[in-house]
Amino acid sequence: MTYTLRPITDADFDFLFALHEVALGEHVRAIWGWDPAFQLDFFRKQFRRVPASVVIVDGVDSGMVCIEHLADRVYLNGIELHPRVQRRGIGAALVRGVIEAAAARGLPATLRVFKINVGARRLYQRLGFAIVGENETHYDMRCG
């Protein structure tokens, strides 16, 4: 599966908020519930806090990936794909890119995943990530 990336812009806000709900809403609902006003306000405060890219598949905006290149690691801050493009190898390719970017700098790749998001956790483990910490809702994972 081929995809391209482009930096997010302010014009992507509505698309990205809708994507967030469709991609991760079930997990948020299961843990905290989904209060639309709270979620919109929280998303607005986080929007463009760190650089992110829109994932384009077959010419259609279909996801988001946020990667932070820190001094001591490369942090996969977020990855969300619309269900219509999930299970097509795109997520794995994006994660591999993070691992490769980290390895090129001699650093580990890290991420945080909802404990209840078993599918994502399995993908990360298959790609070489291991659980290195946890809190009530998330696992911290590291590769390299």
Protein backbone atom coordinates (compact mmCIF):
# COMPACT_ATOMS: atom_id res chain seq x y z
CA MET A 1 0.00 0.00 0.00
CA THR A 2 1.33 3.39 -0.92
CA TYR A 3 0.70 6.58 0.96
CA THR A 4 2.08 10.08 1.12
CA LEU A 5 2.46 12.55 3.96
CA ARG A 6 1.95 16.28 4.15
CA PRO A 7 2.25 18.66 7.08
CA ILE A 8 -1.02 19.46 8.81
CA THR A 9 -2.47 22.94 8.44
CA ASP A 10 -5.10 24.85 10.37
CA ALA A 11 -7.58 23.83 7.66
CA ASP A 12 -7.19 20.18 8.77
CA PHE A 13 -8.67 20.74 12.23
CA ASP A 14 -12.19 19.45 11.49
CA PHE A 15 -10.90 16.44 9.55
CA LEU A 16 -8.41 15.54 12.29
CA PHE A 17 -10.96 15.88 15.09
CA ALA A 18 -13.41 13.65 13.21
CA LEU A 19 -10.58 11.19 12.53
CA HIS A 20 -9.65 11.17 16.21
CA GLU A 21 -13.20 10.22 17.16
CA VAL A 22 -13.55 7.47 14.56
CA ALA A 23 -10.05 6.06 15.14
CA LEU A 24 -9.76 6.25 18.93
CA GLY A 25 -13.19 7.25 20.18
CA GLU A 26 -14.19 3.76 21.27
CA HIS A 27 -11.12 3.54 23.54
CA VAL A 28 -11.69 7.03 24.97
CA ARG A 29 -15.35 6.18 25.58
CA ALA A 30 -14.45 2.92 27.33
CA ILE A 31 -11.93 4.60 29.64
CA TRP A 32 -13.33 8.07 30.36
CA GLY A 33 -16.52 8.46 28.36
CA TRP A 34 -16.90 10.86 25.44
CA ASP A 35 -18.08 14.32 26.38
CA PRO A 36 -18.15 16.11 22.99
CA ALA A 37 -17.50 19.59 24.39
CA PHE A 38 -14.62 18.41 26.57
CA GLN A 39 -13.09 16.37 23.74
CA LEU A 40 -13.30 19.29 21.31
CA ASP A 41 -11.71 21.68 23.82
CA PHE A 42 -8.97 19.18 24.69
CA PHE A 43 -8.25 18.51 21.01
CA ARG A 44 -8.15 22.23 20.27
CA LYS A 45 -5.56 22.76 23.03
CA GLN A 46 -3.38 19.92 21.68
CA PHE A 47 -3.78 20.75 17.99
CA ARG A 48 -0.47 21.71 16.36
CA ARG A 49 1.34 21.52 19.71
CA VAL A 50 3.87 19.27 17.98
CA PRO A 51 4.50 18.77 14.26
CA ALA A 52 2.24 16.22 12.60
CA SER A 53 1.47 15.00 9.12
CA VAL A 54 -1.71 13.99 7.34
CA VAL A 55 -1.53 10.51 5.81
CA ILE A 56 -2.94 10.49 2.29
CA VAL A 57 -4.06 7.17 0.77
CA ASP A 58 -5.31 6.95 -2.81
CA GLY A 59 -5.51 10.75 -2.93
CA VAL A 60 -7.74 10.96 0.17
CA ASP A 61 -6.79 12.34 3.59
CA SER A 62 -6.95 9.15 5.63
CA GLY A 63 -4.88 9.49 8.78
CA MET A 64 -2.45 11.37 10.95
CA VAL A 65 0.99 10.66 12.33
CA CYS A 66 2.88 12.75 14.86
CA ILE A 67 6.57 12.03 15.42
CA GLU A 68 8.79 13.93 17.84
CA HIS A 69 12.56 13.82 17.30
CA LEU A 70 13.86 14.34 20.84
CA ALA A 71 17.44 14.42 22.11
CA ASP A 72 17.23 10.95 23.67
CA ARG A 73 14.61 9.15 21.53
CA VAL A 74 12.22 9.33 18.62
CA TYR A 75 8.71 9.43 20.07
CA LEU A 76 5.67 8.28 18.12
CA ASN A 77 3.34 10.81 19.72
CA GLY A 78 0.30 9.71 17.77
CA ILE A 79 -0.89 7.63 14.86
CA GLU A 80 -4.51 7.49 13.75
CA LEU A 81 -5.79 5.86 10.59
CA HIS A 82 -9.35 5.89 9.36
CA PRO A 83 -10.87 2.40 9.60
CA ARG A 84 -11.28 2.29 5.78
CA VAL A 85 -7.47 2.16 5.41
CA GLN A 86 -6.59 0.07 8.46
CA ARG A 87 -5.20 -3.43 8.03
CA ARG A 88 -3.53 -2.50 4.74
CA GLY A 89 0.05 -2.23 6.03
CA ILE A 90 0.07 1.56 6.31
CA GLY A 91 0.32 1.67 10.09
CA ALA A 92 3.14 -0.87 10.07
CA ALA A 93 5.00 1.12 7.41
CA LEU A 94 4.63 4.33 9.42
CA VAL A 95 5.87 2.65 12.60
CA ARG A 96 8.80 1.10 10.73
CA GLY A 97 9.70 4.59 9.56
CA VAL A 98 9.84 5.76 13.18
CA ILE A 99 12.03 2.79 14.14
CA GLU A 100 14.37 3.47 11.20
CA ALA A 101 14.61 7.19 12.01
CA ALA A 102 15.50 6.36 15.58
CA ALA A 103 18.05 3.71 14.59
CA ALA A 104 19.70 6.14 12.15
CA ARG A 105 20.34 8.43 15.13
CA GLY A 106 21.39 5.57 17.42
CA LEU A 107 18.34 6.15 19.60
CA PRO A 108 15.35 4.10 20.74
CA ALA A 109 11.86 4.60 19.37
CA THR A 110 9.17 5.04 22.01
CA LEU A 111 5.41 5.35 22.15
CA ARG A 112 2.42 5.17 24.46
CA VAL A 113 -0.63 3.03 23.71
CA PHE A 114 -3.99 2.54 25.42
CA LYS A 115 -3.96 -0.72 27.38
CA ILE A 116 -7.33 -1.63 25.86
CA ASN A 117 -6.08 -1.08 22.29
CA VAL A 118 -4.94 -4.67 21.95
CA GLY A 119 -4.67 -4.54 18.15
CA ALA A 120 -2.26 -1.61 18.18
CA ARG A 121 -0.21 -3.14 20.99
CA ARG A 122 0.13 -6.39 19.05
CA LEU A 123 1.30 -4.47 15.98
CA TYR A 124 3.91 -2.60 18.01
CA GLN A 125 5.13 -5.80 19.64
CA ARG A 126 5.33 -7.55 16.27
CA LEU A 127 7.52 -4.68 15.05
CA GLY A 128 9.90 -4.99 18.00
CA PHE A 129 8.46 -2.79 20.75
CA ALA A 130 8.37 -4.02 24.33
CA ILE A 131 6.41 -2.71 27.28
CA VAL A 132 8.72 -0.73 29.58
CA GLY A 133 6.22 1.01 31.84
CA GLU A 134 2.56 1.62 32.46
CA ASN A 135 0.00 3.72 34.21
CA GLU A 136 -3.68 3.07 34.79
CA THR A 137 -4.67 3.54 31.14
CA HIS A 138 -1.52 3.23 28.98
CA TYR A 139 1.55 1.12 28.30
CA ASP A 140 4.83 2.84 27.51
CA MET A 141 6.73 0.92 24.85
CA ARG A 142 10.26 1.05 23.50
CA CYS A 143 12.10 -0.40 20.52
CA GLY A 144 15.90 -0.34 20.31
